[in-house]
């Protein structure tokens, strides 16, 4: 028992250390940009040059917004607010999330293939929270295809054969073997993930994107939102290239939705 407790405490310490390092890195970058902008403003020639002044002020604003974004996303991770549960049409939630992402999808010349199962039980979840999780996962897929590609979204019903060991099971809502779940598969045609990174991809501040493109918190937030009400999210590489995120949401008993 003592050895197990020691291992748990060590894991917690390592997690806190990684989180602290990530926070320091993500906040230090915008702070450095703010400092450079202020140093530029201290030079009188910048103040006298309207174009240079506007550029410095805009750089400071962008850096402040970036720091605020990181803090805001960390607060989402820390929050334990339970969403209002309802019978949710998963197809509507997916369509709303795709609509949020539409501009970015079109700008990157990404083709979307949405294949909903014709008759599917409603999901048991809060609509706003699930849409946020879907947007975060879609964003991760879209960012994996900066030069264009194919984004495929499937919905289906799945019976749990086994519960992944890494499932968080927050707030006592732990999925069990035999549970029927509404599934959403989100696939991209990007490069995929290194096999040893498939689990750590959910860690806070993990990202394969260049600095400034992503905070590395999107999948962390999505995982928390999904697990808070007994859902599951898993990542895998596709055999023909690219990655697949599978989201499993508990079925709402007695309700059915159609396309």
Protein backbone atom coordinates (compact mmCIF):
# COMPACT_ATOMS: atom_id res chain seq x y z
CA UNK A 1 0.00 0.00 0.00
CA UNK A 2 2.82 2.42 0.89
CA UNK A 3 4.61 1.65 -2.37
CA UNK A 4 1.42 2.24 -4.36
CA UNK A 5 0.78 5.52 -2.52
CA UNK A 6 4.35 6.59 -3.26
CA UNK A 7 3.91 5.85 -6.98
CA UNK A 8 0.66 7.84 -7.09
CA UNK A 9 2.28 10.80 -5.34
CA UNK A 10 5.25 10.65 -7.71
CA UNK A 11 2.93 10.64 -10.72
CA UNK A 12 1.00 13.60 -9.31
CA UNK A 13 4.23 15.51 -8.68
CA UNK A 14 5.43 14.83 -12.22
CA UNK A 15 2.06 15.96 -13.65
CA UNK A 16 2.13 19.19 -11.64
CA UNK A 17 5.71 19.80 -12.74
CA UNK A 18 4.84 19.30 -16.41
CA UNK A 19 1.80 21.55 -16.09
CA UNK A 20 3.83 24.27 -14.38
CA UNK A 21 6.50 24.07 -17.07
CA UNK A 22 3.85 24.33 -19.75
CA UNK A 23 2.21 27.35 -18.11
CA UNK A 24 5.59 29.06 -17.74
CA UNK A 25 6.40 28.43 -21.40
CA UNK A 26 3.03 29.53 -22.78
CA UNK A 27 2.86 32.70 -20.65
CA UNK A 28 6.54 33.64 -21.04
CA UNK A 29 6.27 33.87 -24.84
CA UNK A 30 3.54 36.55 -24.91
CA UNK A 31 5.21 38.36 -22.01
CA UNK A 32 8.41 38.54 -24.05
CA UNK A 33 6.48 40.02 -26.98
CA UNK A 34 4.86 42.57 -24.66
CA UNK A 35 8.28 43.52 -23.30
CA UNK A 36 9.68 44.00 -26.82
CA UNK A 37 6.67 46.12 -27.75
CA UNK A 38 7.08 48.32 -24.69
CA UNK A 39 10.80 48.71 -25.38
CA UNK A 40 9.92 49.85 -28.90
CA UNK A 41 7.45 52.38 -27.50
CA UNK A 42 10.15 53.75 -25.22
CA UNK A 43 12.09 54.77 -28.31
CA UNK A 44 10.83 58.21 -29.32
CA UNK A 45 11.23 57.55 -33.05
CA UNK A 46 8.61 54.79 -32.80
CA UNK A 47 6.11 57.10 -31.12
CA UNK A 48 6.67 59.71 -33.82
CA UNK A 49 6.18 57.15 -36.61
CA UNK A 50 2.46 56.33 -36.69
CA UNK A 51 2.93 53.09 -38.65
CA UNK A 52 5.59 51.74 -36.27
CA UNK A 53 3.52 52.85 -33.27
CA UNK A 54 0.45 51.01 -34.53
CA UNK A 55 2.53 47.89 -35.21
CA UNK A 56 3.96 47.88 -31.66
CA UNK A 57 0.56 48.46 -30.05
CA UNK A 58 -1.01 45.67 -32.12
CA UNK A 59 1.81 43.29 -31.16
CA UNK A 60 1.18 44.02 -27.48
CA UNK A 61 -2.57 43.46 -27.90
CA UNK A 62 -2.04 40.12 -29.67
CA UNK A 63 0.34 39.00 -26.91
CA UNK A 64 -2.15 40.01 -24.20
CA UNK A 65 -4.94 38.13 -25.99
CA UNK A 66 -2.71 35.05 -26.21
CA UNK A 67 -1.92 35.11 -22.49
CA UNK A 68 -5.62 35.62 -21.71
CA UNK A 69 -6.50 32.64 -23.91
CA UNK A 70 -4.07 30.37 -22.06
CA UNK A 71 -5.41 31.47 -18.66
CA UNK A 72 -9.01 31.04 -19.84
CA UNK A 73 -8.37 27.52 -21.11
CA UNK A 74 -6.61 26.57 -17.89
CA UNK A 75 -9.66 27.76 -15.95
CA UNK A 76 -11.86 25.49 -18.10
CA UNK A 77 -9.65 22.54 -17.17
CA UNK A 78 -9.83 23.42 -13.47
CA UNK A 79 -13.61 23.95 -13.45
CA UNK A 80 -15.83 21.09 -12.29
CA UNK A 81 -19.15 22.59 -13.41
CA UNK A 82 -21.62 19.91 -14.42
CA UNK A 83 -23.47 20.61 -17.68
CA UNK A 84 -27.27 20.54 -17.80
CA UNK A 85 -28.07 17.04 -19.01
CA UNK A 86 -30.59 16.48 -21.79
CA UNK A 87 -31.35 14.16 -24.68
CA UNK A 88 -29.11 15.54 -27.40
CA UNK A 89 -29.30 15.02 -31.16
CA UNK A 90 -25.67 14.18 -31.89
CA UNK A 91 -26.08 15.02 -35.58
CA UNK A 92 -27.15 18.58 -34.77
CA UNK A 93 -24.19 18.94 -32.41
CA UNK A 94 -21.77 17.77 -35.14
CA UNK A 95 -23.33 20.07 -37.74
CA UNK A 96 -23.07 23.06 -35.38
CA UNK A 97 -19.42 22.26 -34.64
CA UNK A 98 -18.65 21.95 -38.36
CA UNK A 99 -20.35 25.30 -38.94
CA UNK A 100 -18.07 26.91 -36.33
CA UNK A 101 -15.07 25.45 -38.17
CA UNK A 102 -16.37 26.19 -41.69
CA UNK A 103 -14.25 29.28 -42.40
CA UNK A 104 -11.00 27.57 -41.39
CA UNK A 105 -11.94 24.39 -43.27
CA UNK A 106 -12.63 26.32 -46.47
CA UNK A 107 -9.52 28.50 -46.16
CA UNK A 108 -7.35 25.35 -46.01
CA UNK A 109 -9.20 23.71 -48.92
CA UNK A 110 -10.28 20.74 -46.82
CA UNK A 111 -13.03 18.46 -48.11
CA UNK A 112 -15.62 17.35 -45.53
CA UNK A 113 -17.37 13.97 -45.65
CA UNK A 114 -20.07 13.80 -42.95
CA UNK A 115 -21.66 10.33 -42.82
CA UNK A 116 -24.34 10.21 -40.10
CA UNK A 117 -26.03 6.92 -39.22
CA UNK A 118 -29.64 7.31 -40.34
CA UNK A 119 -31.28 6.31 -37.06
CA UNK A 120 -29.36 6.87 -33.87
CA UNK A 121 -30.33 7.12 -30.19
CA UNK A 122 -30.01 10.55 -28.66
CA UNK A 123 -26.92 11.20 -26.54
CA UNK A 124 -27.17 12.07 -22.85
CA UNK A 125 -25.27 15.31 -22.54
CA UNK A 126 -25.24 19.11 -22.33
CA UNK A 127 -25.39 20.62 -25.83
CA UNK A 128 -23.00 23.57 -25.33
CA UNK A 129 -20.34 21.48 -23.62
CA UNK A 130 -20.40 18.70 -26.20
CA UNK A 131 -20.27 21.19 -29.07
CA UNK A 132 -17.17 22.76 -27.48
CA UNK A 133 -15.51 19.34 -27.21
CA UNK A 134 -16.38 18.55 -30.84
CA UNK A 135 -14.98 21.90 -32.01
CA UNK A 136 -11.73 21.25 -30.14
CA UNK A 137 -11.32 17.81 -31.70
CA UNK A 138 -12.25 19.09 -35.17
CA UNK A 139 -9.76 21.94 -34.78
CA UNK A 140 -7.02 19.45 -33.95
CA UNK A 141 -7.86 17.46 -37.10
CA UNK A 142 -8.02 20.54 -39.32
CA UNK A 143 -4.70 21.86 -38.01
CA UNK A 144 -3.13 18.53 -39.00
CA UNK A 145 -3.95 19.34 -42.66
CA UNK A 146 -2.58 22.86 -43.33
CA UNK A 147 -2.20 22.11 -47.05
CA UNK A 148 -5.66 20.60 -47.45
CA UNK A 149 -7.00 17.09 -47.16
CA UNK A 150 -10.09 15.07 -46.24
CA UNK A 151 -12.00 15.43 -42.97
CA UNK A 152 -14.38 12.52 -42.38
CA UNK A 153 -17.00 12.42 -39.63
CA UNK A 154 -19.04 9.26 -38.92
CA UNK A 155 -21.72 8.63 -36.28
CA UNK A 156 -22.79 5.19 -35.09
CA UNK A 157 -23.95 3.17 -32.09
CA UNK A 158 -21.36 1.13 -30.20
CA UNK A 159 -21.59 -1.34 -27.34
CA UNK A 160 -18.56 -1.20 -25.05
CA UNK A 161 -16.61 -4.46 -25.17
CA UNK A 162 -14.10 -3.02 -22.74
CA UNK A 163 -13.40 0.27 -21.01
CA UNK A 164 -10.00 1.83 -21.83
CA UNK A 165 -7.76 1.85 -18.77
CA UNK A 166 -6.86 5.51 -19.31
CA UNK A 167 -10.52 6.60 -19.02
CA UNK A 168 -10.75 9.24 -16.32
CA UNK A 169 -14.29 8.52 -15.13
CA UNK A 170 -14.73 11.95 -13.57
CA UNK A 171 -17.35 12.66 -10.91
CA UNK A 172 -18.18 8.97 -10.50
CA UNK A 173 -19.61 8.60 -14.02
CA UNK A 174 -17.58 5.60 -15.11
CA UNK A 175 -18.66 3.79 -18.30
CA UNK A 176 -19.03 0.03 -17.93
CA UNK A 177 -18.65 -2.95 -20.21
CA UNK A 178 -21.89 -3.53 -22.11
CA UNK A 179 -22.96 0.13 -22.05
CA UNK A 180 -24.43 1.41 -25.32
CA UNK A 181 -22.70 4.59 -26.48
CA UNK A 182 -23.31 7.06 -29.29
CA UNK A 183 -20.02 7.25 -31.22
CA UNK A 184 -18.52 10.04 -33.31
CA UNK A 185 -15.43 9.21 -35.38
CA UNK A 186 -13.42 12.21 -36.62
CA UNK A 187 -10.71 11.29 -39.14
CA UNK A 188 -8.11 13.41 -40.91
CA UNK A 189 -5.69 12.69 -43.75
CA UNK A 190 -2.74 14.37 -42.04
CA UNK A 191 0.55 12.77 -40.97
CA UNK A 192 -0.88 11.04 -37.90
CA UNK A 193 0.83 10.84 -34.52
CA UNK A 194 3.90 8.93 -33.34
CA UNK A 195 2.65 5.78 -31.62
CA UNK A 196 4.26 6.76 -28.32
CA UNK A 197 2.36 10.08 -28.36
CA UNK A 198 -1.17 8.73 -28.76
CA UNK A 199 -1.82 8.86 -24.99
CA UNK A 200 0.24 11.94 -24.14
CA UNK A 201 -1.65 13.90 -26.82
CA UNK A 202 -4.28 14.58 -24.13
CA UNK A 203 -1.70 16.06 -21.73
CA UNK A 204 -1.91 19.79 -21.12
CA UNK A 205 0.32 21.83 -23.47
CA UNK A 206 1.16 18.84 -25.68
CA UNK A 207 1.15 19.98 -29.32
CA UNK A 208 2.92 19.10 -32.55
CA UNK A 209 2.07 22.53 -33.97
CA UNK A 210 4.60 25.39 -34.30
CA UNK A 211 4.84 27.85 -31.40
CA UNK A 212 1.96 30.29 -31.47
CA UNK A 213 -0.33 28.13 -33.60
CA UNK A 214 -1.93 26.20 -30.73
CA UNK A 215 -1.85 26.22 -26.93
CA UNK A 216 -1.85 22.44 -26.58
CA UNK A 217 -4.94 22.62 -24.35
CA UNK A 218 -7.72 21.82 -26.84
CA UNK A 219 -7.67 18.03 -26.48
CA UNK A 220 -7.13 18.32 -22.72
CA UNK A 221 -10.32 20.38 -22.41
CA UNK A 222 -12.22 18.06 -24.77
CA UNK A 223 -11.20 15.00 -22.73
CA UNK A 224 -12.36 16.62 -19.51
CA UNK A 225 -15.71 17.72 -20.98
CA UNK A 226 -16.38 14.25 -22.39
CA UNK A 227 -15.31 12.30 -19.29
CA UNK A 228 -17.21 14.59 -16.90
CA UNK A 229 -20.47 12.88 -17.88
CA UNK A 230 -19.23 9.35 -18.42
CA UNK A 231 -17.96 9.62 -21.99
CA UNK A 232 -14.74 8.37 -23.55
CA UNK A 233 -12.34 9.83 -26.12
CA UNK A 234 -9.61 7.81 -27.83
CA UNK A 235 -6.97 8.55 -30.46
CA UNK A 236 -5.56 6.14 -33.03
CA UNK A 237 -3.64 6.27 -36.28
CA UNK A 238 -5.42 5.12 -39.43
CA UNK A 239 -3.92 2.31 -41.49
CA UNK A 240 -3.93 4.43 -44.65
CA UNK A 241 -2.49 7.51 -42.95
CA UNK A 242 -3.87 10.23 -40.75
CA UNK A 243 -5.42 10.08 -37.30
CA UNK A 244 -8.81 9.12 -35.88
CA UNK A 245 -10.44 10.53 -32.75
CA UNK A 246 -13.34 8.46 -31.42
CA UNK A 247 -15.78 10.11 -29.01
CA UNK A 248 -18.21 7.85 -27.12
CA UNK A 249 -21.16 9.50 -25.34
CA UNK A 250 -23.71 7.65 -23.14
CA UNK A 251 -27.00 6.91 -24.88
CA UNK A 252 -30.11 8.69 -23.60
CA UNK A 253 -32.66 5.99 -22.80
CA UNK A 254 -36.04 6.14 -24.48
CA UNK A 255 -35.20 8.82 -27.03
CA UNK A 256 -34.36 8.44 -30.70
CA UNK A 257 -33.26 10.96 -33.30
CA UNK A 258 -33.07 10.67 -37.08
CA UNK A 259 -31.11 12.42 -39.82
